[in-house]
Amino acid sequence: MRDIKVTPIRNGTVIDHITCGQALNVLRILGVNENNIDSTVSVLMHVPSKKTQWKDVVKVEDRELDPKTVDKIALISPNATIDIIRDYNVAEKHRVVLAPRVKGLVRCGNPNCITNKREPVEPEFAVDNQSPMVLRCIYCDRIQNNITDHLI
């Protein structure tokens, strides 16, 4: 087996141990697209992993993630880790943590939910299960499917 070589980044963030197949959704959460790339972005998909059989990895140079973005990543990849890189070294390493309740990150899929009726109510979900991810709206009890399609 040959090693996979990816250029190290000087400063930025490495999102590692992303659930296999979710790297492009992580890019969407980060707001990275062909029109707004100002620095190097590396995407590795279906990479061998010692912890799990396969994983994805995203490296973004010159960017550190805010807590809300990390929380969104936790929704689609609850075992991901966030490495903050400074001067080519790992300055901080964190595992994403998903709270038992998720507020203001996901839109309810029920068009009749109070959170979709122009009321000043922020969507809130209980995390019923992490693997597979099951979110339940605390207002209408709808189970949220396709979480990536409903991220705010």
C-alpha atoms as a PDB file:
ATOM      1  CA  MET A   1       0.000   0.000   0.000  1.00  0.00           C
ATOM      2  CA  ARG A   2       1.333   3.418  -0.936  1.00  0.00           C
ATOM      3  CA  ASP A   3       1.072   6.377   1.407  1.00  0.00           C
ATOM      4  CA  ILE A   4      -1.161   9.265   0.450  1.00  0.00           C
ATOM      5  CA  LYS A   5       0.769  12.520   0.398  1.00  0.00           C
ATOM      6  CA  VAL A   6      -0.966  15.852   0.931  1.00  0.00           C
ATOM      7  CA  THR A   7       0.897  19.111   1.281  1.00  0.00           C
ATOM      8  CA  PRO A   8       0.946  20.354   4.886  1.00  0.00           C
ATOM      9  CA  ILE A   9      -0.759  23.649   5.649  1.00  0.00           C
ATOM     10  CA  ARG A  10       0.989  26.449   7.499  1.00  0.00           C
ATOM     11  CA  ASN A  11      -2.080  27.761   9.344  1.00  0.00           C
ATOM     12  CA  GLY A  12      -5.669  26.622   9.249  1.00  0.00           C
ATOM     13  CA  THR A  13      -7.916  23.705  10.131  1.00  0.00           C
ATOM     14  CA  VAL A  14      -7.876  19.986   9.428  1.00  0.00           C
ATOM     15  CA  ILE A  15     -11.203  18.212   9.865  1.00  0.00           C
ATOM     16  CA  ASP A  16     -10.289  14.556  10.273  1.00  0.00           C
ATOM     17  CA  HIS A  17     -12.256  11.341  10.818  1.00  0.00           C
ATOM     18  CA  ILE A  18     -15.199  12.658   8.810  1.00  0.00           C
ATOM     19  CA  THR A  19     -17.758   9.938   8.161  1.00  0.00           C
ATOM     20  CA  CYS A  20     -16.863   8.425   4.795  1.00  0.00           C
ATOM     21  CA  GLY A  21     -18.801  10.150   2.016  1.00  0.00           C
ATOM     22  CA  GLN A  22     -19.498  13.355   3.954  1.00  0.00           C
ATOM     23  CA  ALA A  23     -16.517  15.506   2.840  1.00  0.00           C
ATOM     24  CA  LEU A  24     -18.527  17.369   0.199  1.00  0.00           C
ATOM     25  CA  ASN A  25     -21.234  18.127   2.783  1.00  0.00           C
ATOM     26  CA  VAL A  26     -18.525  19.484   5.098  1.00  0.00           C
ATOM     27  CA  LEU A  27     -17.383  21.771   2.265  1.00  0.00           C
ATOM     28  CA  ARG A  28     -20.979  22.945   1.917  1.00  0.00           C
ATOM     29  CA  ILE A  29     -21.153  23.683   5.658  1.00  0.00           C
ATOM     30  CA  LEU A  30     -17.898  25.636   5.363  1.00  0.00           C
ATOM     31  CA  GLY A  31     -19.384  27.599   2.474  1.00  0.00           C
ATOM     32  CA  VAL A  32     -16.538  26.576   0.180  1.00  0.00           C
ATOM     33  CA  ASN A  33     -17.344  26.657  -3.520  1.00  0.00           C
ATOM     34  CA  GLU A  34     -15.608  27.498  -6.787  1.00  0.00           C
ATOM     35  CA  ASN A  35     -16.448  31.210  -6.414  1.00  0.00           C
ATOM     36  CA  ASN A  36     -14.967  31.879  -2.984  1.00  0.00           C
ATOM     37  CA  ILE A  37     -11.769  29.884  -2.585  1.00  0.00           C
ATOM     38  CA  ASP A  38      -9.043  32.250  -1.399  1.00  0.00           C
ATOM     39  CA  SER A  39      -6.611  29.661  -0.030  1.00  0.00           C
ATOM     40  CA  THR A  40      -5.754  25.978  -0.381  1.00  0.00           C
ATOM     41  CA  VAL A  41      -8.507  23.460   0.330  1.00  0.00           C
ATOM     42  CA  SER A  42      -7.633  19.750   0.286  1.00  0.00           C
ATOM     43  CA  VAL A  43     -10.343  17.093   0.212  1.00  0.00           C
ATOM     44  CA  LEU A  44      -9.515  13.440   0.790  1.00  0.00           C
ATOM     45  CA  MET A  45     -12.303  10.935   0.356  1.00  0.00           C
ATOM     46  CA  HIS A  46     -12.421   7.243   1.162  1.00  0.00           C
ATOM     47  CA  VAL A  47      -9.054   7.228   2.927  1.00  0.00           C
ATOM     48  CA  PRO A  48      -7.993   4.148   4.944  1.00  0.00           C
ATOM     49  CA  SER A  49      -8.366   4.666   8.694  1.00  0.00           C
ATOM     50  CA  LYS A  50      -7.086   2.747  11.705  1.00  0.00           C
ATOM     51  CA  LYS A  51     -10.097   3.688  13.883  1.00  0.00           C
ATOM     52  CA  THR A  52     -12.767   3.057  11.278  1.00  0.00           C
ATOM     53  CA  GLN A  53     -12.266   1.283   8.012  1.00  0.00           C
ATOM     54  CA  TRP A  54     -12.607   4.456   5.909  1.00  0.00           C
ATOM     55  CA  LYS A  55     -12.800   8.201   6.490  1.00  0.00           C
ATOM     56  CA  ASP A  56     -12.798  11.559   4.717  1.00  0.00           C
ATOM     57  CA  VAL A  57     -10.519  14.500   5.557  1.00  0.00           C
ATOM     58  CA  VAL A  58     -10.838  18.221   4.717  1.00  0.00           C
ATOM     59  CA  LYS A  59      -7.964  20.685   5.123  1.00  0.00           C
ATOM     60  CA  VAL A  60      -8.602  24.426   4.864  1.00  0.00           C
ATOM     61  CA  GLU A  61      -5.688  26.809   4.924  1.00  0.00           C
ATOM     62  CA  ASP A  62      -5.908  30.196   6.688  1.00  0.00           C
ATOM     63  CA  ARG A  63      -9.222  29.480   8.407  1.00  0.00           C
ATOM     64  CA  GLU A  64     -10.282  28.481  11.903  1.00  0.00           C
ATOM     65  CA  LEU A  65     -13.852  27.349  12.491  1.00  0.00           C
ATOM     66  CA  ASP A  66     -16.413  29.062  14.688  1.00  0.00           C
ATOM     67  CA  PRO A  67     -18.348  26.933  17.222  1.00  0.00           C
ATOM     68  CA  LYS A  68     -21.589  26.982  15.192  1.00  0.00           C
ATOM     69  CA  THR A  69     -19.797  25.538  12.148  1.00  0.00           C
ATOM     70  CA  VAL A  70     -18.232  22.816  14.308  1.00  0.00           C
ATOM     71  CA  ASP A  71     -21.694  21.975  15.691  1.00  0.00           C
ATOM     72  CA  LYS A  72     -23.047  21.563  12.140  1.00  0.00           C
ATOM     73  CA  ILE A  73     -20.169  19.236  11.279  1.00  0.00           C
ATOM     74  CA  ALA A  74     -20.981  17.192  14.403  1.00  0.00           C
ATOM     75  CA  LEU A  75     -24.501  16.655  13.059  1.00  0.00           C
ATOM     76  CA  ILE A  76     -23.285  14.895   9.921  1.00  0.00           C
ATOM     77  CA  SER A  77     -20.101  13.382  11.355  1.00  0.00           C
ATOM     78  CA  PRO A  78     -20.259  12.894  15.145  1.00  0.00           C
ATOM     79  CA  ASN A  79     -16.793  11.264  15.322  1.00  0.00           C
ATOM     80  CA  ALA A  80     -14.907  14.017  13.495  1.00  0.00           C
ATOM     81  CA  THR A  81     -11.902  15.743  15.006  1.00  0.00           C
ATOM     82  CA  ILE A  82     -10.843  19.353  14.483  1.00  0.00           C
ATOM     83  CA  ASP A  83      -7.121  20.120  14.373  1.00  0.00           C
ATOM     84  CA  ILE A  84      -6.043  23.762  14.502  1.00  0.00           C
ATOM     85  CA  ILE A  85      -2.746  24.169  12.663  1.00  0.00           C
ATOM     86  CA  ARG A  86      -0.392  27.040  13.451  1.00  0.00           C
ATOM     87  CA  ASP A  87       3.036  27.335  11.834  1.00  0.00           C
ATOM     88  CA  TYR A  88       2.756  23.774  10.432  1.00  0.00           C
ATOM     89  CA  ASN A  89       2.101  22.240  13.888  1.00  0.00           C
ATOM     90  CA  VAL A  90      -1.070  21.005  15.558  1.00  0.00           C
ATOM     91  CA  ALA A  91      -1.756  23.737  18.128  1.00  0.00           C
ATOM     92  CA  GLU A  92      -5.128  22.322  19.273  1.00  0.00           C
ATOM     93  CA  LYS A  93      -7.024  19.097  18.680  1.00  0.00           C
ATOM     94  CA  HIS A  94     -10.687  18.645  19.548  1.00  0.00           C
ATOM     95  CA  ARG A  95     -13.268  15.969  18.997  1.00  0.00           C
ATOM     96  CA  VAL A  96     -16.612  17.410  17.915  1.00  0.00           C
ATOM     97  CA  VAL A  97     -19.254  17.216  20.634  1.00  0.00           C
ATOM     98  CA  LEU A  98     -22.937  17.020  19.906  1.00  0.00           C
ATOM     99  CA  ALA A  99     -25.165  18.478  22.619  1.00  0.00           C
ATOM    100  CA  PRO A 100     -28.355  16.582  23.574  1.00  0.00           C
ATOM    101  CA  ARG A 101     -30.323  19.490  22.053  1.00  0.00           C
ATOM    102  CA  VAL A 102     -29.520  21.300  18.828  1.00  0.00           C
ATOM    103  CA  LYS A 103     -30.811  24.866  18.510  1.00  0.00           C
ATOM    104  CA  GLY A 104     -30.726  27.116  15.460  1.00  0.00           C
ATOM    105  CA  LEU A 105     -28.710  24.761  13.243  1.00  0.00           C
ATOM    106  CA  VAL A 106     -31.367  22.740  11.413  1.00  0.00           C
ATOM    107  CA  ARG A 107     -34.677  23.773   9.851  1.00  0.00           C
ATOM    108  CA  CYS A 108     -37.692  21.565  10.598  1.00  0.00           C
ATOM    109  CA  GLY A 109     -38.947  19.668   7.561  1.00  0.00           C
ATOM    110  CA  ASN A 110     -42.568  20.033   8.660  1.00  0.00           C
ATOM    111  CA  PRO A 111     -44.034  23.040   6.790  1.00  0.00           C
ATOM    112  CA  ASN A 112     -46.721  23.339   9.500  1.00  0.00           C
ATOM    113  CA  CYS A 113     -44.215  23.518  12.382  1.00  0.00           C
ATOM    114  CA  ILE A 114     -44.353  26.786  14.325  1.00  0.00           C
ATOM    115  CA  THR A 115     -40.671  27.336  13.490  1.00  0.00           C
ATOM    116  CA  ASN A 116     -41.664  27.657   9.789  1.00  0.00           C
ATOM    117  CA  LYS A 117     -44.616  30.037  10.347  1.00  0.00           C
ATOM    118  CA  ARG A 118     -42.726  33.346  10.578  1.00  0.00           C
ATOM    119  CA  GLU A 119     -42.979  33.266  14.333  1.00  0.00           C
ATOM    120  CA  PRO A 120     -39.996  34.372  16.409  1.00  0.00           C
ATOM    121  CA  VAL A 121     -39.231  30.758  17.352  1.00  0.00           C
ATOM    122  CA  GLU A 122     -35.810  29.257  16.711  1.00  0.00           C
ATOM    123  CA  PRO A 123     -35.839  25.621  15.529  1.00  0.00           C
ATOM    124  CA  GLU A 124     -34.741  23.200  18.233  1.00  0.00           C
ATOM    125  CA  PHE A 125     -34.222  19.463  18.068  1.00  0.00           C
ATOM    126  CA  ALA A 126     -33.589  16.704  20.571  1.00  0.00           C
ATOM    127  CA  VAL A 127     -30.842  14.298  19.539  1.00  0.00           C
ATOM    128  CA  ASP A 128     -32.592  10.954  19.900  1.00  0.00           C
ATOM    129  CA  ASN A 129     -29.719   8.932  18.424  1.00  0.00           C
ATOM    130  CA  GLN A 130     -26.234   9.673  17.075  1.00  0.00           C
ATOM    131  CA  SER A 131     -25.659   6.588  14.931  1.00  0.00           C
ATOM    132  CA  PRO A 132     -27.589   6.832  12.748  1.00  0.00           C
ATOM    133  CA  MET A 133     -28.344  10.490  13.477  1.00  0.00           C
ATOM    134  CA  VAL A 134     -31.949  10.992  14.571  1.00  0.00           C
ATOM    135  CA  LEU A 135     -33.191  14.501  15.378  1.00  0.00           C
ATOM    136  CA  ARG A 136     -36.699  15.167  16.717  1.00  0.00           C
ATOM    137  CA  CYS A 137     -38.270  18.628  16.616  1.00  0.00           C
ATOM    138  CA  ILE A 138     -39.219  19.681  20.144  1.00  0.00           C
ATOM    139  CA  TYR A 139     -42.205  21.659  18.821  1.00  0.00           C
ATOM    140  CA  CYS A 140     -43.914  19.220  16.440  1.00  0.00           C
ATOM    141  CA  ASP A 141     -42.120  15.902  17.190  1.00  0.00           C
ATOM    142  CA  ARG A 142     -41.214  15.390  13.520  1.00  0.00           C
ATOM    143  CA  ILE A 143     -38.160  13.224  12.978  1.00  0.00           C
ATOM    144  CA  GLN A 144     -35.762  15.142  10.752  1.00  0.00           C
ATOM    145  CA  ASN A 145     -34.408  13.234   7.782  1.00  0.00           C
ATOM    146  CA  ASN A 146     -31.817  14.520   5.316  1.00  0.00           C
ATOM    147  CA  ILE A 147     -30.098  16.690   7.894  1.00  0.00           C
ATOM    148  CA  THR A 148     -27.634  18.125   5.370  1.00  0.00           C
ATOM    149  CA  ASP A 149     -30.534  19.402   3.248  1.00  0.00           C
ATOM    150  CA  HIS A 150     -32.013  21.257   6.222  1.00  0.00           C
ATOM    151  CA  LEU A 151     -28.930  22.891   7.735  1.00  0.00           C
ATOM    152  CA  ILE A 152     -29.408  26.601   8.361  1.00  0.00           C
END
